[in-house]
N, C-alpha and C. Protein backbone atom coordinates (compact mmCIF):
# COMPACT_ATOMS: atom_id res chain seq x y z
N MET A 1 116.78 66.65 33.49
CA MET A 1 116.19 66.18 32.26
C MET A 1 115.36 67.30 31.68
N THR A 2 115.45 67.47 30.38
CA THR A 2 114.67 68.48 29.67
C THR A 2 114.00 67.85 28.47
N ILE A 3 112.73 68.15 28.27
CA ILE A 3 111.99 67.67 27.11
C ILE A 3 111.41 68.89 26.42
N ILE A 4 111.64 68.99 25.11
CA ILE A 4 111.09 70.08 24.31
C ILE A 4 110.20 69.46 23.25
N VAL A 5 108.94 69.89 23.22
CA VAL A 5 108.00 69.47 22.19
C VAL A 5 107.72 70.70 21.34
N ALA A 6 108.13 70.65 20.08
CA ALA A 6 108.00 71.81 19.20
C ALA A 6 107.02 71.50 18.08
N ASP A 7 106.41 72.53 17.53
CA ASP A 7 105.48 72.39 16.41
C ASP A 7 106.15 72.87 15.13
N ASN A 8 106.19 72.01 14.12
CA ASN A 8 106.72 72.36 12.79
C ASN A 8 108.09 73.03 12.87
N THR A 9 109.05 72.32 13.37
CA THR A 9 110.40 72.84 13.56
C THR A 9 111.12 72.96 12.22
N PRO A 10 111.67 74.14 11.88
CA PRO A 10 112.46 74.28 10.65
C PRO A 10 113.73 73.43 10.73
N PRO A 11 114.26 72.98 9.58
CA PRO A 11 115.45 72.13 9.59
C PRO A 11 116.65 72.73 10.32
N ALA A 12 116.88 74.02 10.20
CA ALA A 12 118.02 74.66 10.88
C ALA A 12 117.88 74.57 12.39
N VAL A 13 116.67 74.74 12.89
CA VAL A 13 116.43 74.68 14.33
C VAL A 13 116.53 73.23 14.82
N ARG A 14 116.03 72.28 14.02
CA ARG A 14 116.15 70.87 14.39
C ARG A 14 117.61 70.48 14.51
N GLY A 15 118.43 70.91 13.56
CA GLY A 15 119.86 70.62 13.61
C GLY A 15 120.51 71.20 14.86
N LEU A 16 120.12 72.42 15.22
CA LEU A 16 120.65 73.06 16.42
C LEU A 16 120.27 72.28 17.67
N LEU A 17 119.01 71.88 17.77
CA LEU A 17 118.54 71.17 18.95
C LEU A 17 119.18 69.78 19.06
N LYS A 18 119.52 69.18 17.93
CA LYS A 18 120.14 67.85 17.95
C LYS A 18 121.57 67.90 18.48
N ARG A 19 122.14 69.07 18.62
CA ARG A 19 123.47 69.18 19.22
C ARG A 19 123.45 68.82 20.71
N TRP A 20 122.35 69.17 21.38
CA TRP A 20 122.25 68.96 22.83
C TRP A 20 121.24 67.89 23.22
N PHE A 21 120.32 67.58 22.32
CA PHE A 21 119.22 66.69 22.66
C PHE A 21 119.11 65.53 21.67
N LEU A 22 118.50 64.44 22.13
CA LEU A 22 118.12 63.35 21.25
C LEU A 22 116.74 63.65 20.69
N GLU A 23 116.43 63.13 19.52
CA GLU A 23 115.11 63.34 18.92
C GLU A 23 114.44 61.97 18.72
N PRO A 24 113.79 61.43 19.79
CA PRO A 24 113.19 60.11 19.67
C PRO A 24 112.00 60.04 18.71
N ARG A 25 111.31 61.15 18.56
CA ARG A 25 110.20 61.28 17.61
C ARG A 25 110.35 62.64 16.95
N PRO A 26 109.78 62.82 15.77
CA PRO A 26 109.89 64.14 15.11
C PRO A 26 109.37 65.26 16.02
N ASN A 27 110.17 66.30 16.16
CA ASN A 27 109.84 67.50 16.93
C ASN A 27 109.73 67.27 18.44
N VAL A 28 110.26 66.17 18.95
CA VAL A 28 110.34 65.92 20.39
C VAL A 28 111.82 65.74 20.72
N PHE A 29 112.35 66.58 21.60
CA PHE A 29 113.77 66.58 21.93
C PHE A 29 113.94 66.31 23.42
N VAL A 30 114.83 65.37 23.75
CA VAL A 30 115.04 64.95 25.13
C VAL A 30 116.52 65.00 25.45
N GLY A 31 116.88 65.58 26.59
CA GLY A 31 118.28 65.63 26.98
C GLY A 31 118.46 66.10 28.40
N THR A 32 119.70 65.98 28.86
CA THR A 32 120.06 66.45 30.19
C THR A 32 121.04 67.59 30.04
N VAL A 33 120.57 68.80 30.26
CA VAL A 33 121.41 69.99 30.22
C VAL A 33 121.12 70.81 31.47
N ASN A 34 122.08 71.64 31.86
CA ASN A 34 121.85 72.46 33.04
C ASN A 34 120.92 73.64 32.70
N HIS A 35 120.50 74.35 33.72
CA HIS A 35 119.55 75.46 33.56
C HIS A 35 120.06 76.53 32.60
N ARG A 36 121.31 76.88 32.73
CA ARG A 36 121.89 77.95 31.89
C ARG A 36 121.88 77.56 30.41
N ILE A 37 122.31 76.36 30.10
CA ILE A 37 122.32 75.90 28.71
C ILE A 37 120.90 75.83 28.16
N ARG A 38 119.96 75.33 28.98
CA ARG A 38 118.56 75.24 28.55
C ARG A 38 118.01 76.62 28.19
N GLN A 39 118.27 77.62 29.04
CA GLN A 39 117.78 78.97 28.76
C GLN A 39 118.42 79.55 27.50
N LYS A 40 119.72 79.32 27.32
CA LYS A 40 120.42 79.83 26.12
C LYS A 40 119.88 79.18 24.85
N VAL A 41 119.61 77.87 24.91
CA VAL A 41 119.07 77.16 23.75
C VAL A 41 117.68 77.70 23.41
N ILE A 42 116.85 77.89 24.42
CA ILE A 42 115.50 78.41 24.19
C ILE A 42 115.55 79.81 23.60
N GLU A 43 116.41 80.68 24.13
CA GLU A 43 116.56 82.03 23.59
C GLU A 43 117.00 81.99 22.13
N TYR A 44 117.97 81.13 21.83
CA TYR A 44 118.50 81.04 20.47
C TYR A 44 117.43 80.53 19.50
N VAL A 45 116.69 79.51 19.92
CA VAL A 45 115.62 78.96 19.07
C VAL A 45 114.54 80.01 18.84
N ARG A 46 114.18 80.74 19.87
CA ARG A 46 113.14 81.78 19.71
C ARG A 46 113.60 82.91 18.81
N ARG A 47 114.92 83.18 18.81
CA ARG A 47 115.45 84.20 17.92
C ARG A 47 115.43 83.72 16.46
N LEU A 48 115.78 82.43 16.23
CA LEU A 48 115.81 81.88 14.88
C LEU A 48 114.41 81.66 14.31
N ALA A 49 113.50 81.21 15.14
CA ALA A 49 112.13 80.90 14.70
C ALA A 49 111.14 81.49 15.68
N PRO A 50 110.86 82.80 15.58
CA PRO A 50 109.99 83.46 16.57
C PRO A 50 108.55 82.93 16.58
N ASP A 51 108.09 82.34 15.49
CA ASP A 51 106.71 81.84 15.44
C ASP A 51 106.59 80.39 15.88
N LEU A 52 107.70 79.77 16.25
CA LEU A 52 107.70 78.37 16.63
C LEU A 52 107.03 78.18 17.99
N GLY A 53 106.10 77.25 18.07
CA GLY A 53 105.45 76.92 19.33
C GLY A 53 106.22 75.81 20.03
N MET A 54 106.58 76.02 21.29
CA MET A 54 107.34 75.03 22.05
C MET A 54 106.73 74.82 23.42
N LEU A 55 106.79 73.59 23.86
CA LEU A 55 106.41 73.22 25.21
C LEU A 55 107.66 72.63 25.84
N VAL A 56 108.14 73.22 26.94
CA VAL A 56 109.39 72.79 27.56
C VAL A 56 109.08 72.25 28.95
N LEU A 57 109.45 70.99 29.17
CA LEU A 57 109.32 70.35 30.47
C LEU A 57 110.73 70.14 31.00
N ALA A 58 110.99 70.59 32.23
CA ALA A 58 112.35 70.52 32.78
C ALA A 58 112.31 70.06 34.23
N SER A 59 113.35 69.36 34.63
CA SER A 59 113.47 68.92 36.03
C SER A 59 113.46 70.13 36.94
N ASP A 60 112.82 69.97 38.09
CA ASP A 60 112.66 71.08 39.02
C ASP A 60 112.53 70.51 40.43
N ASN A 61 112.61 71.36 41.44
CA ASN A 61 112.47 70.93 42.82
C ASN A 61 111.04 71.05 43.33
N SER A 62 110.08 71.02 42.43
CA SER A 62 108.68 71.11 42.84
C SER A 62 108.18 69.74 43.31
N ALA A 63 106.95 69.69 43.77
CA ALA A 63 106.38 68.44 44.25
C ALA A 63 106.31 67.38 43.15
N GLN A 64 106.07 67.81 41.92
CA GLN A 64 106.00 66.88 40.80
C GLN A 64 107.38 66.51 40.26
N GLY A 65 108.38 67.34 40.55
CA GLY A 65 109.73 67.06 40.07
C GLY A 65 110.04 67.68 38.73
N PHE A 66 109.11 68.46 38.19
CA PHE A 66 109.36 69.13 36.91
C PHE A 66 108.53 70.41 36.82
N SER A 67 108.93 71.27 35.88
CA SER A 67 108.18 72.49 35.59
C SER A 67 107.83 72.49 34.11
N VAL A 68 106.85 73.28 33.74
CA VAL A 68 106.38 73.34 32.36
C VAL A 68 106.34 74.79 31.92
N GLN A 69 106.90 75.06 30.73
CA GLN A 69 106.85 76.40 30.14
C GLN A 69 106.33 76.27 28.71
N SER A 70 105.63 77.29 28.25
CA SER A 70 105.12 77.30 26.88
C SER A 70 105.60 78.57 26.19
N PHE A 71 106.01 78.43 24.94
CA PHE A 71 106.46 79.56 24.13
C PHE A 71 105.72 79.51 22.81
N GLY A 72 105.17 80.64 22.38
CA GLY A 72 104.46 80.69 21.11
C GLY A 72 103.11 79.99 21.21
N ALA A 73 102.48 79.83 20.06
CA ALA A 73 101.17 79.18 19.99
C ALA A 73 101.36 77.68 19.83
N THR A 74 100.79 76.92 20.75
CA THR A 74 100.88 75.47 20.70
C THR A 74 99.48 74.86 20.79
N ARG A 75 99.36 73.61 20.38
CA ARG A 75 98.06 72.92 20.49
C ARG A 75 97.77 72.54 21.93
N ARG A 76 98.80 72.45 22.74
CA ARG A 76 98.63 72.10 24.15
C ARG A 76 99.17 73.26 24.99
N CYS A 77 98.48 73.57 26.06
CA CYS A 77 98.97 74.67 26.89
C CYS A 77 99.06 74.22 28.35
N PRO A 78 100.11 74.68 29.03
CA PRO A 78 100.27 74.30 30.43
C PRO A 78 99.27 75.04 31.32
N VAL A 79 98.78 74.33 32.31
CA VAL A 79 97.82 74.88 33.27
C VAL A 79 98.28 74.45 34.66
N VAL A 80 98.25 75.37 35.61
CA VAL A 80 98.54 75.02 36.99
C VAL A 80 97.22 74.93 37.73
N TYR A 81 96.92 73.74 38.23
CA TYR A 81 95.67 73.50 38.93
C TYR A 81 95.98 72.92 40.30
N CYS A 82 95.63 73.63 41.33
CA CYS A 82 95.90 73.21 42.72
C CYS A 82 97.39 72.93 42.94
N GLY A 83 98.25 73.73 42.29
CA GLY A 83 99.68 73.58 42.46
C GLY A 83 100.31 72.50 41.60
N LEU A 84 99.52 71.82 40.77
CA LEU A 84 100.04 70.78 39.89
C LEU A 84 100.09 71.28 38.46
N HIS A 85 101.17 70.96 37.75
CA HIS A 85 101.29 71.31 36.34
C HIS A 85 100.53 70.27 35.51
N LEU A 86 99.59 70.74 34.71
CA LEU A 86 98.82 69.88 33.83
C LEU A 86 98.91 70.42 32.42
N ILE A 87 98.59 69.59 31.44
CA ILE A 87 98.59 70.02 30.04
C ILE A 87 97.16 69.96 29.54
N ALA A 88 96.67 71.10 29.05
CA ALA A 88 95.32 71.16 28.48
C ALA A 88 95.43 71.10 26.97
N GLU A 89 94.65 70.21 26.38
CA GLU A 89 94.62 70.09 24.93
C GLU A 89 93.44 70.88 24.40
N ALA A 90 93.63 71.46 23.24
CA ALA A 90 92.53 72.18 22.60
C ALA A 90 91.57 71.14 22.02
N TRP A 91 90.30 71.36 22.20
CA TRP A 91 89.33 70.45 21.63
C TRP A 91 88.18 71.25 21.06
N GLU A 92 87.45 70.61 20.21
CA GLU A 92 86.28 71.24 19.62
C GLU A 92 85.06 70.45 20.02
N GLU A 93 84.07 71.15 20.47
CA GLU A 93 82.83 70.48 20.81
C GLU A 93 81.98 70.38 19.56
N THR A 94 81.51 69.20 19.30
CA THR A 94 80.67 69.00 18.12
C THR A 94 79.25 68.74 18.58
N THR A 95 78.33 69.22 17.81
CA THR A 95 76.93 68.97 18.11
C THR A 95 76.36 68.14 16.98
N GLU A 96 75.59 67.16 17.32
CA GLU A 96 74.97 66.32 16.31
C GLU A 96 73.72 67.02 15.81
N GLN A 97 73.65 67.13 14.51
CA GLN A 97 72.48 67.78 13.91
C GLN A 97 71.50 66.71 13.48
N GLU A 98 70.25 66.93 13.78
CA GLU A 98 69.23 65.97 13.39
C GLU A 98 68.86 66.20 11.95
N GLU A 99 68.66 65.10 11.24
CA GLU A 99 68.30 65.21 9.83
C GLU A 99 66.83 64.99 9.64
């Protein structure tokens, strides 16, 4: 199983990804492809849209059963903590100003 979460995908790239994957939500692509096809699709997408941010989750033989890769600038970034793949979201700390 492969899941690709992309940011602001151009129409040409969305059409390409829909050849191999389902798109249950905008810019989220889910499908079952082998490792070779997954790598070729990622290379092709990166060539067509080099500024596109993608988060790729794929089946793997790890303890969690999947691996996480990030390409380009994304709002979420993969982090490995104690051998576990986690997703860190960007946040802003706000301070309350007294009036």
